[in-house]
């Protein structure tokens, strides 16, 4: 009888051990609420507030320029545009919820600008900036209009002076940037922030799913559009310097670095709780190393490769494309870490639609 009881106890212990081994890998005691609170309060809302402030400054500079079209006021407008464009790079990873509803990314930063469409709009003195999937608005259109419509500042000022519709078009673009940014921020501050923080779990539509999909989609767009297509890596091996972001102003490399740092900030939570802490809590590893360390290190490696580019990105593609390709490779290496390794251990599905031309 005692032997029977002993064998039964062994079976119970064995079954319990097996159940522990096959326990749901998606279960975790990590408290998501502080993570979502930090990302909402210290990253997302501040990013949209800064973009709103910079957009308002852009509107003010435009008003001054419209009242007196001069080289001095053009320079002031350009400076405000550049500040707003950099601010957008910081807000870009959060293209979900209110931003997605406003079509914020496609309204503010579809590039490269379609010069033919822009000039056609101006010639006809009519445009529809609410049309989807167009490349005649946002920061890229302003890049062309403020920097690419003449060989120098005097010629650009003359272009505005002899074409009244140009100033009207610029005004409409800037108004749209400010309006869509304001609407997005208002939504976060008036309800969406609270529902976002309360939306725990790993299911599609949860805050974690939005964050993970947001960071991945933003990263892949950065990899392909900012570096991959201009360098030719994802464009049949043919360099396309004219496809860089902000090709007329020459700030594309700075925008790319800012975008990469912003993506890293979303992963690390900047100075507080981030996805890296989540991964550490569940002891996620890549080989012998913590997955969070592998990802953070790769961000730094990619930034270091971008720092090796010695000139603006458009010129670099023409004169030192080997280094641009090296930067692309360093950026591309991160994709499997973020998109495969991280999503797997966090049990979050990728729900955005991949670009079929992307090679990774």
Protein backbone atom coordinates (compact mmCIF):
# COMPACT_ATOMS: atom_id res chain seq x y z
CA UNK A 1 0.00 0.00 0.00
CA UNK A 2 2.82 2.36 0.93
CA UNK A 3 4.57 1.51 -2.36
CA UNK A 4 1.34 2.34 -4.25
CA UNK A 5 1.04 5.74 -2.52
CA UNK A 6 4.73 6.50 -3.24
CA UNK A 7 4.30 5.74 -6.94
CA UNK A 8 1.16 7.88 -7.05
CA UNK A 9 3.01 10.81 -5.48
CA UNK A 10 5.81 10.46 -8.03
CA UNK A 11 3.26 10.60 -10.84
CA UNK A 12 1.66 13.74 -9.39
CA UNK A 13 5.04 15.46 -9.06
CA UNK A 14 5.99 14.41 -12.58
CA UNK A 15 2.74 15.70 -14.07
CA UNK A 16 3.05 19.00 -12.19
CA UNK A 17 6.61 19.44 -13.44
CA UNK A 18 5.52 18.81 -17.01
CA UNK A 19 2.70 21.31 -16.65
CA UNK A 20 5.24 23.89 -15.45
CA UNK A 21 7.43 23.23 -18.46
CA UNK A 22 4.60 23.67 -20.96
CA UNK A 23 2.97 26.58 -19.17
CA UNK A 24 1.72 29.35 -21.40
CA UNK A 25 4.87 31.24 -22.52
CA UNK A 26 2.78 34.37 -22.97
CA UNK A 27 1.86 34.57 -19.30
CA UNK A 28 3.86 37.13 -17.38
CA UNK A 29 3.53 38.90 -14.06
CA UNK A 30 5.04 42.06 -15.53
CA UNK A 31 2.88 45.04 -14.58
CA UNK A 32 2.07 46.72 -17.89
CA UNK A 33 0.40 49.78 -16.40
CA UNK A 34 3.60 51.65 -15.40
CA UNK A 35 5.05 50.91 -18.84
CA UNK A 36 2.02 52.32 -20.65
CA UNK A 37 1.86 55.29 -18.28
CA UNK A 38 5.49 56.20 -18.94
CA UNK A 39 5.15 55.86 -22.69
CA UNK A 40 1.96 57.91 -22.77
CA UNK A 41 2.97 60.64 -20.32
CA UNK A 42 6.71 60.96 -20.97
CA UNK A 43 7.01 60.12 -24.65
CA UNK A 44 3.82 60.28 -26.71
CA UNK A 45 2.00 63.29 -25.28
CA UNK A 46 5.21 65.38 -24.96
CA UNK A 47 6.13 64.48 -28.56
CA UNK A 48 2.78 65.71 -29.85
CA UNK A 49 2.91 68.79 -27.63
CA UNK A 50 6.30 69.67 -29.05
CA UNK A 51 5.07 69.06 -32.59
CA UNK A 52 2.09 71.30 -31.91
CA UNK A 53 4.35 74.04 -30.54
CA UNK A 54 6.67 73.77 -33.52
CA UNK A 55 3.72 73.73 -35.92
CA UNK A 56 2.33 76.89 -34.32
CA UNK A 57 5.75 78.53 -34.68
CA UNK A 58 5.76 77.45 -38.30
CA UNK A 59 2.36 79.07 -38.79
CA UNK A 60 3.57 82.29 -37.18
CA UNK A 61 6.70 82.40 -39.35
CA UNK A 62 4.55 81.78 -42.40
CA UNK A 63 2.24 84.67 -41.51
CA UNK A 64 5.22 87.00 -41.29
CA UNK A 65 6.53 85.72 -44.61
CA UNK A 66 3.15 86.10 -46.29
CA UNK A 67 2.92 89.71 -45.13
CA UNK A 68 6.39 90.57 -46.44
CA UNK A 69 7.99 88.08 -48.81
CA UNK A 70 11.71 88.68 -48.34
CA UNK A 71 14.94 86.75 -47.96
CA UNK A 72 15.03 87.47 -44.24
CA UNK A 73 11.50 86.18 -43.72
CA UNK A 74 12.17 83.18 -45.96
CA UNK A 75 15.09 82.26 -43.72
CA UNK A 76 12.86 82.59 -40.66
CA UNK A 77 10.24 80.36 -42.28
CA UNK A 78 12.85 77.77 -43.24
CA UNK A 79 14.16 77.64 -39.67
CA UNK A 80 10.67 77.08 -38.28
CA UNK A 81 9.98 74.40 -40.91
CA UNK A 82 13.18 72.55 -40.03
CA UNK A 83 12.37 72.59 -36.30
CA UNK A 84 8.89 71.21 -36.97
CA UNK A 85 10.25 68.53 -39.31
CA UNK A 86 12.71 67.33 -36.67
CA UNK A 87 9.91 67.33 -34.12
CA UNK A 88 7.84 65.12 -36.41
CA UNK A 89 10.60 62.48 -36.39
CA UNK A 90 10.14 62.18 -32.63
CA UNK A 91 6.37 61.77 -32.90
CA UNK A 92 6.44 59.43 -35.91
CA UNK A 93 6.72 56.11 -33.99
CA UNK A 94 3.33 56.77 -32.39
CA UNK A 95 1.31 56.48 -35.58
CA UNK A 96 -1.55 54.59 -33.93
CA UNK A 97 -4.81 55.51 -32.27
CA UNK A 98 -5.58 59.22 -32.86
CA UNK A 99 -2.64 59.67 -35.27
CA UNK A 100 -3.83 56.78 -37.40
CA UNK A 101 -7.36 58.18 -37.41
CA UNK A 102 -5.99 61.51 -38.66
CA UNK A 103 -3.79 59.85 -41.29
CA UNK A 104 -1.07 61.91 -39.70
CA UNK A 105 1.97 60.24 -41.21
CA UNK A 106 0.70 60.23 -44.79
CA UNK A 107 -0.49 63.82 -44.42
CA UNK A 108 2.75 65.15 -42.95
CA UNK A 109 5.52 63.04 -44.46
CA UNK A 110 4.87 61.17 -47.70
CA UNK A 111 8.12 61.51 -49.63
CA UNK A 112 9.76 62.09 -52.01
CA UNK A 113 7.56 65.02 -52.98
CA UNK A 114 5.76 64.75 -56.31
CA UNK A 115 7.04 67.91 -57.99
CA UNK A 116 4.78 67.51 -61.01
CA UNK A 117 1.69 67.27 -58.80
CA UNK A 118 2.76 70.30 -56.74
CA UNK A 119 3.41 72.50 -59.77
CA UNK A 120 0.15 71.32 -61.34
CA UNK A 121 -1.78 72.27 -58.18
CA UNK A 122 -0.20 75.72 -58.18
CA UNK A 123 -0.85 76.27 -61.88
CA UNK A 124 -4.51 75.36 -61.42
CA UNK A 125 -4.75 77.26 -58.11
CA UNK A 126 -6.65 74.30 -56.67
CA UNK A 127 -5.69 71.31 -54.53
CA UNK A 128 -7.13 68.63 -52.28
CA UNK A 129 -4.81 68.06 -49.37
CA UNK A 130 -7.20 65.54 -47.81
CA UNK A 131 -6.73 63.12 -50.70
CA UNK A 132 -5.04 59.94 -49.46
CA UNK A 133 -1.75 58.47 -50.69
CA UNK A 134 -0.60 61.66 -52.37
CA UNK A 135 2.85 63.24 -52.28
CA UNK A 136 2.01 66.90 -52.76
CA UNK A 137 1.71 68.08 -49.15
CA UNK A 138 3.29 68.03 -45.72
CA UNK A 139 6.92 68.67 -44.88
CA UNK A 140 8.27 67.22 -48.16
CA UNK A 141 6.18 69.62 -50.27
CA UNK A 142 7.46 72.52 -48.17
CA UNK A 143 11.00 71.23 -48.63
CA UNK A 144 10.58 71.72 -52.36
CA UNK A 145 8.70 75.03 -52.21
CA UNK A 146 11.05 76.68 -49.70
CA UNK A 147 14.34 75.28 -50.99
CA UNK A 148 13.89 73.88 -54.49
CA UNK A 149 12.08 76.55 -56.51
CA UNK A 150 15.19 78.58 -57.28
CA UNK A 151 18.97 78.40 -57.38
CA UNK A 152 19.28 80.77 -54.44
CA UNK A 153 17.18 82.60 -51.88
CA UNK A 154 16.65 85.62 -54.13
CA UNK A 155 15.23 83.43 -56.89
CA UNK A 156 12.93 81.63 -54.47
CA UNK A 157 11.61 84.94 -53.13
CA UNK A 158 11.03 86.07 -56.72
CA UNK A 159 9.18 82.80 -57.43
CA UNK A 160 6.79 83.51 -54.56
CA UNK A 161 6.31 87.11 -55.60
CA UNK A 162 5.31 86.31 -59.17
CA UNK A 163 3.12 83.32 -58.23
CA UNK A 164 0.48 84.32 -55.64
CA UNK A 165 -0.91 80.79 -55.63
CA UNK A 166 2.38 79.49 -54.20
CA UNK A 167 1.94 81.43 -50.96
CA UNK A 168 -1.66 80.23 -50.73
CA UNK A 169 -0.55 76.65 -51.24
CA UNK A 170 2.14 76.92 -48.59
CA UNK A 171 -0.42 78.39 -46.22
CA UNK A 172 -2.83 75.50 -46.83
CA UNK A 173 -0.11 72.91 -46.19
CA UNK A 174 0.99 74.53 -42.95
CA UNK A 175 -2.59 74.90 -41.75
CA UNK A 176 -3.15 71.19 -42.35
CA UNK A 177 -0.02 70.23 -40.43
CA UNK A 178 -1.09 72.36 -37.46
CA UNK A 179 -4.71 71.18 -37.55
CA UNK A 180 -3.96 67.46 -37.73
CA UNK A 181 -1.32 67.71 -35.03
CA UNK A 182 -3.68 69.63 -32.75
CA UNK A 183 -6.48 67.12 -33.28
CA UNK A 184 -4.18 64.20 -32.52
CA UNK A 185 -2.88 65.79 -29.32
CA UNK A 186 -6.38 66.73 -28.18
CA UNK A 187 -7.52 63.13 -28.55
CA UNK A 188 -4.66 61.89 -26.39
CA UNK A 189 -5.35 64.51 -23.73
CA UNK A 190 -9.11 64.00 -23.70
CA UNK A 191 -9.67 60.31 -23.12
CA UNK A 192 -7.37 58.27 -25.30
CA UNK A 193 -4.47 58.47 -22.86
CA UNK A 194 -6.55 56.86 -20.09
CA UNK A 195 -8.00 54.14 -22.29
CA UNK A 196 -4.55 53.42 -23.70
CA UNK A 197 -3.05 52.89 -20.24
CA UNK A 198 -5.97 50.68 -19.19
CA UNK A 199 -5.76 48.56 -22.34
CA UNK A 200 -3.59 45.79 -20.93
CA UNK A 201 -2.88 42.36 -22.35
CA UNK A 202 -1.23 41.21 -25.57
CA UNK A 203 -4.18 40.88 -27.94
CA UNK A 204 -4.47 42.80 -31.19
CA UNK A 205 -5.49 46.37 -30.38
CA UNK A 206 -4.06 46.30 -26.85
CA UNK A 207 -1.67 49.08 -25.86
CA UNK A 208 1.23 46.62 -26.02
CA UNK A 209 0.20 45.58 -29.54
CA UNK A 210 0.00 49.23 -30.60
CA UNK A 211 3.44 49.98 -29.17
CA UNK A 212 5.13 46.92 -30.65
CA UNK A 213 3.53 47.40 -34.06
CA UNK A 214 4.28 51.12 -33.92
CA UNK A 215 7.96 50.65 -33.18
CA UNK A 216 8.32 47.98 -35.88
CA UNK A 217 6.46 49.81 -38.63
CA UNK A 218 8.32 53.03 -37.91
CA UNK A 219 11.63 51.17 -37.93
CA UNK A 220 10.96 49.43 -41.22
CA UNK A 221 9.90 52.67 -42.88
CA UNK A 222 13.09 54.26 -41.60
CA UNK A 223 15.17 51.41 -42.94
CA UNK A 224 13.55 51.22 -46.36
CA UNK A 225 12.52 54.78 -47.22
CA UNK A 226 15.23 56.85 -45.54
CA UNK A 227 18.19 54.62 -46.43
CA UNK A 228 17.27 51.52 -48.42
CA UNK A 229 15.66 53.10 -51.48
CA UNK A 230 18.09 56.04 -51.87
CA UNK A 231 21.13 53.74 -51.52
CA UNK A 232 19.68 51.30 -54.04
CA UNK A 233 19.72 48.32 -51.67
CA UNK A 234 15.96 47.84 -52.04
CA UNK A 235 15.75 49.53 -55.44
CA UNK A 236 17.26 46.89 -57.75
CA UNK A 237 20.74 48.00 -56.78
CA UNK A 238 20.26 51.39 -58.44
CA UNK A 239 21.08 54.37 -56.16
CA UNK A 240 18.34 56.96 -56.12
CA UNK A 241 19.70 60.07 -54.40
CA UNK A 242 16.62 62.05 -55.48
CA UNK A 243 14.51 59.79 -53.22
CA UNK A 244 16.04 60.93 -49.94
CA UNK A 245 13.91 62.66 -47.39
CA UNK A 246 14.23 66.47 -47.50
CA UNK A 247 16.39 66.32 -50.63
CA UNK A 248 16.28 70.06 -51.35
CA UNK A 249 17.18 71.35 -47.89
CA UNK A 250 19.87 68.72 -47.29
CA UNK A 251 18.81 67.77 -43.74
CA UNK A 252 17.95 64.14 -44.53
CA UNK A 253 20.83 62.62 -42.56
CA UNK A 254 19.93 64.60 -39.44
CA UNK A 255 16.30 63.55 -39.76
CA UNK A 256 17.33 59.91 -40.07
CA UNK A 257 19.48 60.02 -36.95
CA UNK A 258 16.70 61.72 -35.00
CA UNK A 259 14.21 59.12 -36.20
CA UNK A 260 16.48 56.26 -35.12
CA UNK A 261 17.06 57.80 -31.69
CA UNK A 262 13.30 58.30 -31.27
CA UNK A 263 12.67 54.66 -32.12
CA UNK A 264 15.27 53.66 -29.54
CA UNK A 265 13.61 55.92 -26.94
CA UNK A 266 10.33 54.08 -27.44
CA UNK A 267 12.12 50.77 -26.84
CA UNK A 268 13.99 51.91 -23.72
CA UNK A 269 11.25 54.15 -22.33
CA UNK A 270 13.87 56.90 -22.50
CA UNK A 271 14.73 57.44 -18.82
CA UNK A 272 12.08 55.17 -17.30
CA UNK A 273 10.24 51.89 -17.92
CA UNK A 274 10.40 50.58 -21.47
CA UNK A 275 10.09 47.44 -23.53
CA UNK A 276 13.63 46.56 -22.48
CA UNK A 277 12.42 46.20 -18.88
CA UNK A 278 9.57 44.00 -20.05
CA UNK A 279 12.01 41.73 -21.88
CA UNK A 280 14.29 41.57 -18.84
CA UNK A 281 11.36 40.67 -16.59
CA UNK A 282 10.60 37.61 -18.69
CA UNK A 283 14.32 36.85 -19.08
CA UNK A 284 14.19 37.03 -22.86
CA UNK A 285 17.50 36.07 -24.41
CA UNK A 286 19.22 35.95 -27.79
CA UNK A 287 21.77 33.19 -27.45
CA UNK A 288 23.58 33.83 -24.19
CA UNK A 289 22.77 37.54 -24.09
CA UNK A 290 19.74 39.39 -22.85
CA UNK A 291 17.59 40.31 -25.84
CA UNK A 292 17.23 43.84 -24.49
CA UNK A 293 21.02 44.25 -24.54
CA UNK A 294 21.27 42.91 -28.08
CA UNK A 295 18.63 45.36 -29.29
CA UNK A 296 20.07 48.38 -27.46
CA UNK A 297 23.56 47.60 -28.73
CA UNK A 298 22.33 47.32 -32.30
CA UNK A 299 20.65 50.74 -32.10
CA UNK A 300 24.01 52.20 -31.07
CA UNK A 301 25.83 50.31 -33.82
CA UNK A 302 23.43 51.66 -36.46
CA UNK A 303 23.79 55.21 -35.15
CA UNK A 304 27.58 54.85 -35.24
CA UNK A 305 27.44 53.79 -38.90
CA UNK A 306 25.26 56.81 -39.73
CA UNK A 307 27.82 59.03 -37.98
CA UNK A 308 30.46 57.80 -40.43
CA UNK A 309 28.61 59.45 -43.33
CA UNK A 310 30.51 62.68 -43.91
CA UNK A 311 28.03 64.75 -45.91
CA UNK A 312 24.29 65.20 -46.46
CA UNK A 313 22.58 61.97 -47.41
CA UNK A 314 21.74 62.89 -50.99
CA UNK A 315 25.35 63.73 -51.76
CA UNK A 316 26.57 60.72 -49.78
CA UNK A 317 24.58 58.37 -52.00
CA UNK A 318 26.36 59.91 -54.97
CA UNK A 319 29.89 60.03 -53.55
CA UNK A 320 30.19 57.54 -50.66
CA UNK A 321 27.37 55.10 -51.15
CA UNK A 322 29.43 52.23 -49.73
CA UNK A 323 29.13 53.80 -46.29
CA UNK A 324 25.42 54.46 -46.78
CA UNK A 325 25.00 50.77 -47.60
CA UNK A 326 26.96 49.84 -44.46
CA UNK A 327 24.62 52.01 -42.42
CA UNK A 328 21.68 50.29 -44.07
CA UNK A 329 23.08 46.87 -43.14
CA UNK A 330 23.49 47.91 -39.51
CA UNK A 331 19.94 49.23 -39.44
CA UNK A 332 18.56 46.14 -41.19
CA UNK A 333 20.20 43.77 -38.69
CA UNK A 334 17.85 45.09 -36.01
CA UNK A 335 14.70 44.06 -37.86
CA UNK A 336 14.85 40.40 -36.84
CA UNK A 337 15.46 41.41 -33.22
CA UNK A 338 12.45 43.71 -33.09
CA UNK A 339 10.08 42.02 -35.47
CA UNK A 340 10.75 38.32 -34.80
CA UNK A 341 12.54 37.87 -31.48
CA UNK A 342 10.76 40.55 -29.46
CA UNK A 343 7.27 39.95 -30.83
CA UNK A 344 7.67 36.22 -30.23
CA UNK A 345 8.53 36.48 -26.54
CA UNK A 346 5.97 39.23 -25.93
CA UNK A 347 3.31 37.20 -27.78
CA UNK A 348 2.27 40.17 -29.92
CA UNK A 349 1.27 39.70 -33.55
CA UNK A 350 2.42 42.02 -36.33
CA UNK A 351 -0.76 43.51 -37.76
CA UNK A 352 0.44 46.25 -40.12
CA UNK A 353 0.85 45.46 -43.81
CA UNK A 354 4.44 44.98 -44.94
CA UNK A 355 5.60 46.73 -48.08
CA UNK A 356 6.00 44.00 -50.72
CA UNK A 357 9.15 45.67 -52.08
CA UNK A 358 10.93 45.34 -48.77
CA UNK A 359 13.58 42.69 -48.88
CA UNK A 360 13.73 41.95 -45.16
